Amino acid sequence: MSRVELVGPDQAPLLARAYYPEEGQASPIVRALAQVPELLEVAMPFIARVFGPTSVDLRTKEIVVLRVSAINGCRYCVDAHTVAAWDAGLTQAETAALRGPVAGFSTAEEALVAFCDAFCNTPAPVPEDVMRCFRTHFAEHAIVELSLLAGATAMLNRFCTALELPTTPATRARLEAAM
């Protein structure tokens, strides 16, 4: 049960209605942010841009989102992005590995996971040895983008965890079907 009312389409303020799909249900993030539509109008385009299509491929992005979410213990984001990672081409074994000790990834993906671990677990800058390895596999623009993605994920992890946002029924069904 969410700690705030998740606004349904019937109660959505006028400024929030554009974020509710014609068919289906808006995400719990949208439904929570609809409480403050002026923030919804800013947050959702930012989230869509950072998490959406860019020069960094979706598989790489989902590795970051799932690993950061797992480290931060965000049940909502782990559930949602396990399914999104499958859609991006990760296997069930790979998504499981991103929630624990990592094995079975390419050298570049292991460097990415090490970056995510340091990003989340170090209150100081990411250690130079981790950055050096990360730089051997990713261009400067990708490093900037993946750093922003990790930070945006951590912010959403705290938001979703603090408000105890529920996993959607569609996501829950896909997770249960995979078991």
C-alpha atoms as a PDB file:
ATOM      1  CA  MET A   1       0.000   0.000   0.000  1.00  0.00           C
ATOM      2  CA  SER A   2       1.425   3.344  -1.036  1.00  0.00           C
ATOM      3  CA  ARG A   3       2.068   5.959   1.639  1.00  0.00           C
ATOM      4  CA  VAL A   4       0.345   8.605  -0.485  1.00  0.00           C
ATOM      5  CA  GLU A   5      -2.812   8.429  -2.531  1.00  0.00           C
ATOM      6  CA  LEU A   6      -2.062   7.375  -6.080  1.00  0.00           C
ATOM      7  CA  VAL A   7      -4.223   9.696  -8.130  1.00  0.00           C
ATOM      8  CA  GLY A   8      -6.492   7.946 -10.599  1.00  0.00           C
ATOM      9  CA  PRO A   9      -7.412   9.363 -14.003  1.00  0.00           C
ATOM     10  CA  ASP A  10     -10.795  10.571 -12.733  1.00  0.00           C
ATOM     11  CA  GLN A  11      -9.187  12.699 -10.014  1.00  0.00           C
ATOM     12  CA  ALA A  12      -6.111  13.802 -11.964  1.00  0.00           C
ATOM     13  CA  PRO A  13      -5.631  17.569 -12.074  1.00  0.00           C
ATOM     14  CA  LEU A  14      -5.829  19.104 -15.530  1.00  0.00           C
ATOM     15  CA  LEU A  15      -2.025  19.571 -15.743  1.00  0.00           C
ATOM     16  CA  ALA A  16      -1.497  15.884 -14.963  1.00  0.00           C
ATOM     17  CA  ARG A  17      -3.984  14.368 -17.404  1.00  0.00           C
ATOM     18  CA  ALA A  18      -1.536  14.311 -20.320  1.00  0.00           C
ATOM     19  CA  TYR A  19       0.534  11.728 -18.409  1.00  0.00           C
ATOM     20  CA  TYR A  20      -2.363   9.276 -18.133  1.00  0.00           C
ATOM     21  CA  PRO A  21      -2.625   6.907 -21.115  1.00  0.00           C
ATOM     22  CA  GLU A  22      -5.918   6.503 -22.960  1.00  0.00           C
ATOM     23  CA  GLU A  23      -5.762   2.746 -22.390  1.00  0.00           C
ATOM     24  CA  GLY A  24      -4.326   1.120 -19.312  1.00  0.00           C
ATOM     25  CA  GLN A  25      -3.035   2.612 -16.105  1.00  0.00           C
ATOM     26  CA  ALA A  26      -0.509   5.363 -15.466  1.00  0.00           C
ATOM     27  CA  SER A  27       2.562   4.251 -13.548  1.00  0.00           C
ATOM     28  CA  PRO A  28       2.611   4.615  -9.765  1.00  0.00           C
ATOM     29  CA  ILE A  29       5.315   7.287 -10.205  1.00  0.00           C
ATOM     30  CA  VAL A  30       2.974   9.379 -12.372  1.00  0.00           C
ATOM     31  CA  ARG A  31       0.052   8.726 -10.056  1.00  0.00           C
ATOM     32  CA  ALA A  32       2.069   9.882  -7.020  1.00  0.00           C
ATOM     33  CA  LEU A  33       3.508  12.932  -8.791  1.00  0.00           C
ATOM     34  CA  ALA A  34      -0.002  13.910  -9.907  1.00  0.00           C
ATOM     35  CA  GLN A  35      -0.417  15.149  -6.332  1.00  0.00           C
ATOM     36  CA  VAL A  36       1.847  18.028  -7.416  1.00  0.00           C
ATOM     37  CA  PRO A  37       1.194  18.512 -11.142  1.00  0.00           C
ATOM     38  CA  GLU A  38       3.657  21.374 -11.504  1.00  0.00           C
ATOM     39  CA  LEU A  39       6.432  18.939 -10.500  1.00  0.00           C
ATOM     40  CA  LEU A  40       4.989  16.187 -12.677  1.00  0.00           C
ATOM     41  CA  GLU A  41       5.296  18.492 -15.703  1.00  0.00           C
ATOM     42  CA  VAL A  42       9.026  18.876 -15.050  1.00  0.00           C
ATOM     43  CA  ALA A  43       9.893  15.442 -13.675  1.00  0.00           C
ATOM     44  CA  MET A  44       8.334  13.229 -16.327  1.00  0.00           C
ATOM     45  CA  PRO A  45      10.013  14.822 -19.370  1.00  0.00           C
ATOM     46  CA  PHE A  46      13.351  14.650 -17.508  1.00  0.00           C
ATOM     47  CA  ILE A  47      12.785  10.993 -16.585  1.00  0.00           C
ATOM     48  CA  ALA A  48      11.679  10.158 -20.136  1.00  0.00           C
ATOM     49  CA  ARG A  49      14.777  11.819 -21.612  1.00  0.00           C
ATOM     50  CA  VAL A  50      17.285  10.224 -19.222  1.00  0.00           C
ATOM     51  CA  PHE A  51      15.749   6.741 -19.312  1.00  0.00           C
ATOM     52  CA  GLY A  52      14.644   6.850 -22.963  1.00  0.00           C
ATOM     53  CA  PRO A  53      16.477   6.355 -26.246  1.00  0.00           C
ATOM     54  CA  THR A  54      19.858   8.066 -26.605  1.00  0.00           C
ATOM     55  CA  SER A  55      23.245   7.143 -27.991  1.00  0.00           C
ATOM     56  CA  VAL A  56      23.683   4.655 -25.124  1.00  0.00           C
ATOM     57  CA  ASP A  57      21.923   1.389 -25.927  1.00  0.00           C
ATOM     58  CA  LEU A  58      18.987   0.232 -23.839  1.00  0.00           C
ATOM     59  CA  ARG A  59      20.721  -2.927 -22.571  1.00  0.00           C
ATOM     60  CA  THR A  60      23.529  -0.813 -21.070  1.00  0.00           C
ATOM     61  CA  LYS A  61      21.030   1.573 -19.508  1.00  0.00           C
ATOM     62  CA  GLU A  62      19.030  -1.254 -17.950  1.00  0.00           C
ATOM     63  CA  ILE A  63      22.203  -2.720 -16.434  1.00  0.00           C
ATOM     64  CA  VAL A  64      22.786   0.623 -14.683  1.00  0.00           C
ATOM     65  CA  VAL A  65      19.185   1.070 -13.560  1.00  0.00           C
ATOM     66  CA  LEU A  66      18.797  -2.471 -12.259  1.00  0.00           C
ATOM     67  CA  ARG A  67      22.179  -2.560 -10.501  1.00  0.00           C
ATOM     68  CA  VAL A  68      21.721   0.857  -8.829  1.00  0.00           C
ATOM     69  CA  SER A  69      18.160  -0.064  -7.814  1.00  0.00           C
ATOM     70  CA  ALA A  70      19.311  -3.374  -6.344  1.00  0.00           C
ATOM     71  CA  ILE A  71      22.107  -1.712  -4.365  1.00  0.00           C
ATOM     72  CA  ASN A  72      19.647   0.886  -3.052  1.00  0.00           C
ATOM     73  CA  GLY A  73      17.083  -1.777  -2.173  1.00  0.00           C
ATOM     74  CA  CYS A  74      14.230  -0.266  -4.201  1.00  0.00           C
ATOM     75  CA  ARG A  75      11.705  -3.065  -4.631  1.00  0.00           C
ATOM     76  CA  TYR A  76       9.528  -1.068  -7.036  1.00  0.00           C
ATOM     77  CA  CYS A  77      12.432  -0.179  -9.365  1.00  0.00           C
ATOM     78  CA  VAL A  78      13.986  -3.657  -9.194  1.00  0.00           C
ATOM     79  CA  ASP A  79      10.663  -5.224 -10.156  1.00  0.00           C
ATOM     80  CA  ALA A  80       9.902  -2.732 -12.937  1.00  0.00           C
ATOM     81  CA  HIS A  81      13.412  -2.775 -14.375  1.00  0.00           C
ATOM     82  CA  THR A  82      13.822  -6.538 -14.206  1.00  0.00           C
ATOM     83  CA  VAL A  83      10.984  -6.711 -16.728  1.00  0.00           C
ATOM     84  CA  ALA A  84      12.371  -3.743 -18.694  1.00  0.00           C
ATOM     85  CA  ALA A  85      15.802  -5.423 -18.756  1.00  0.00           C
ATOM     86  CA  TRP A  86      14.272  -8.585 -20.214  1.00  0.00           C
ATOM     87  CA  ASP A  87      12.673  -6.439 -22.896  1.00  0.00           C
ATOM     88  CA  ALA A  88      16.104  -4.886 -23.549  1.00  0.00           C
ATOM     89  CA  GLY A  89      17.647  -8.307 -24.136  1.00  0.00           C
ATOM     90  CA  LEU A  90      19.068  -9.295 -20.758  1.00  0.00           C
ATOM     91  CA  THR A  91      18.445 -12.879 -19.693  1.00  0.00           C
ATOM     92  CA  GLN A  92      16.811 -13.951 -16.466  1.00  0.00           C
ATOM     93  CA  ALA A  93      20.232 -15.139 -15.255  1.00  0.00           C
ATOM     94  CA  GLU A  94      21.763 -11.725 -16.020  1.00  0.00           C
ATOM     95  CA  THR A  95      19.004  -9.817 -14.235  1.00  0.00           C
ATOM     96  CA  ALA A  96      19.374 -12.122 -11.244  1.00  0.00           C
ATOM     97  CA  ALA A  97      23.139 -11.529 -11.241  1.00  0.00           C
ATOM     98  CA  LEU A  98      22.618  -7.757 -11.191  1.00  0.00           C
ATOM     99  CA  ARG A  99      20.778  -8.189  -7.880  1.00  0.00           C
ATOM    100  CA  GLY A 100      23.759  -9.986  -6.296  1.00  0.00           C
ATOM    101  CA  PRO A 101      27.327 -11.019  -7.097  1.00  0.00           C
ATOM    102  CA  VAL A 102      27.915 -10.233 -10.763  1.00  0.00           C
ATOM    103  CA  ALA A 103      29.222 -12.884 -13.141  1.00  0.00           C
ATOM    104  CA  GLY A 104      28.757 -13.780 -16.772  1.00  0.00           C
ATOM    105  CA  PHE A 105      28.971 -10.304 -18.283  1.00  0.00           C
ATOM    106  CA  SER A 106      31.370  -8.861 -20.837  1.00  0.00           C
ATOM    107  CA  THR A 107      34.447  -6.994 -19.621  1.00  0.00           C
ATOM    108  CA  ALA A 108      32.811  -3.658 -20.521  1.00  0.00           C
ATOM    109  CA  GLU A 109      29.628  -4.572 -18.646  1.00  0.00           C
ATOM    110  CA  GLU A 110      31.635  -5.667 -15.611  1.00  0.00           C
ATOM    111  CA  ALA A 111      33.399  -2.273 -15.668  1.00  0.00           C
ATOM    112  CA  LEU A 112      29.961  -0.643 -15.817  1.00  0.00           C
ATOM    113  CA  VAL A 113      28.752  -2.663 -12.823  1.00  0.00           C
ATOM    114  CA  ALA A 114      31.918  -1.747 -10.879  1.00  0.00           C
ATOM    115  CA  PHE A 115      31.199   1.909 -11.654  1.00  0.00           C
ATOM    116  CA  CYS A 116      27.609   1.529 -10.404  1.00  0.00           C
ATOM    117  CA  ASP A 117      28.820  -0.152  -7.225  1.00  0.00           C
ATOM    118  CA  ALA A 118      31.336   2.620  -6.537  1.00  0.00           C
ATOM    119  CA  PHE A 119      28.803   5.301  -7.480  1.00  0.00           C
ATOM    120  CA  CYS A 120      26.351   3.978  -4.884  1.00  0.00           C
ATOM    121  CA  ASN A 121      28.708   2.826  -2.154  1.00  0.00           C
ATOM    122  CA  THR A 122      31.314   5.579  -2.039  1.00  0.00           C
ATOM    123  CA  PRO A 123      30.464   8.954  -0.483  1.00  0.00           C
ATOM    124  CA  ALA A 124      33.513  10.352  -2.299  1.00  0.00           C
ATOM    125  CA  PRO A 125      34.323  10.476  -6.010  1.00  0.00           C
ATOM    126  CA  VAL A 126      34.382   7.117  -7.774  1.00  0.00           C
ATOM    127  CA  PRO A 127      37.888   5.697  -7.170  1.00  0.00           C
ATOM    128  CA  GLU A 128      40.384   6.373  -9.957  1.00  0.00           C
ATOM    129  CA  ASP A 129      41.064   2.681 -10.671  1.00  0.00           C
ATOM    130  CA  VAL A 130      37.337   2.104 -11.254  1.00  0.00           C
ATOM    131  CA  MET A 131      37.119   5.192 -13.492  1.00  0.00           C
ATOM    132  CA  ARG A 132      40.220   4.156 -15.440  1.00  0.00           C
ATOM    133  CA  CYS A 133      38.675   0.777 -16.232  1.00  0.00           C
ATOM    134  CA  PHE A 134      35.317   2.409 -17.026  1.00  0.00           C
ATOM    135  CA  ARG A 135      37.030   4.849 -19.421  1.00  0.00           C
ATOM    136  CA  THR A 136      38.633   2.032 -21.383  1.00  0.00           C
ATOM    137  CA  HIS A 137      35.172   0.826 -22.410  1.00  0.00           C
ATOM    138  CA  PHE A 138      33.028   3.967 -22.616  1.00  0.00           C
ATOM    139  CA  ALA A 139      33.391   7.308 -24.415  1.00  0.00           C
ATOM    140  CA  GLU A 140      33.229  10.583 -22.496  1.00  0.00           C
ATOM    141  CA  HIS A 141      29.650  11.330 -23.567  1.00  0.00           C
ATOM    142  CA  ALA A 142      28.565   7.863 -22.401  1.00  0.00           C
ATOM    143  CA  ILE A 143      30.296   8.323 -19.050  1.00  0.00           C
ATOM    144  CA  VAL A 144      28.428  11.597 -18.524  1.00  0.00           C
ATOM    145  CA  GLU A 145      25.111  10.073 -19.557  1.00  0.00           C
ATOM    146  CA  LEU A 146      25.550   6.903 -17.492  1.00  0.00           C
ATOM    147  CA  SER A 147      26.532   8.984 -14.452  1.00  0.00           C
ATOM    148  CA  LEU A 148      23.350  11.048 -14.821  1.00  0.00           C
ATOM    149  CA  LEU A 149      21.330   7.856 -15.291  1.00  0.00           C
ATOM    150  CA  ALA A 150      22.793   6.365 -12.101  1.00  0.00           C
ATOM    151  CA  GLY A 151      22.028   9.576 -10.196  1.00  0.00           C
ATOM    152  CA  ALA A 152      18.478   9.848 -11.544  1.00  0.00           C
ATOM    153  CA  THR A 153      17.915   6.196 -10.689  1.00  0.00           C
ATOM    154  CA  ALA A 154      19.141   6.740  -7.123  1.00  0.00           C
ATOM    155  CA  MET A 155      16.779   9.717  -6.773  1.00  0.00           C
ATOM    156  CA  LEU A 156      13.823   7.682  -8.025  1.00  0.00           C
ATOM    157  CA  ASN A 157      14.849   4.770  -5.777  1.00  0.00           C
ATOM    158  CA  ARG A 158      14.516   7.021  -2.744  1.00  0.00           C
ATOM    159  CA  PHE A 159      11.220   8.489  -3.991  1.00  0.00           C
ATOM    160  CA  CYS A 160       9.662   5.083  -4.696  1.00  0.00           C
ATOM    161  CA  THR A 161      10.957   3.502  -1.487  1.00  0.00           C
ATOM    162  CA  ALA A 162       9.950   6.402   0.769  1.00  0.00           C
ATOM    163  CA  LEU A 163       6.414   6.331  -0.632  1.00  0.00           C
ATOM    164  CA  GLU A 164       6.297   2.509  -0.846  1.00  0.00           C
ATOM    165  CA  LEU A 165       5.016   2.609  -4.407  1.00  0.00           C
ATOM    166  CA  PRO A 166       3.433  -0.703  -5.416  1.00  0.00           C
ATOM    167  CA  THR A 167       4.565  -2.911  -8.258  1.00  0.00           C
ATOM    168  CA  THR A 168       1.990  -2.743 -11.031  1.00  0.00           C
ATOM    169  CA  PRO A 169      -0.172  -5.817 -11.623  1.00  0.00           C
ATOM    170  CA  ALA A 170       1.228  -6.198 -15.163  1.00  0.00           C
ATOM    171  CA  THR A 171       4.814  -6.214 -13.877  1.00  0.00           C
ATOM    172  CA  ARG A 172       3.927  -8.588 -11.039  1.00  0.00           C
ATOM    173  CA  ALA A 173       2.284 -10.968 -13.536  1.00  0.00           C
ATOM    174  CA  ARG A 174       5.374 -11.035 -15.772  1.00  0.00           C
ATOM    175  CA  LEU A 175       7.662 -11.649 -12.816  1.00  0.00           C
ATOM    176  CA  GLU A 176       5.445 -14.475 -11.529  1.00  0.00           C
ATOM    177  CA  ALA A 177       5.207 -16.036 -14.994  1.00  0.00           C
ATOM    178  CA  ALA A 178       8.999 -16.149 -15.166  1.00  0.00           C
ATOM    179  CA  MET A 179       9.299 -18.095 -11.920  1.00  0.00           C
END
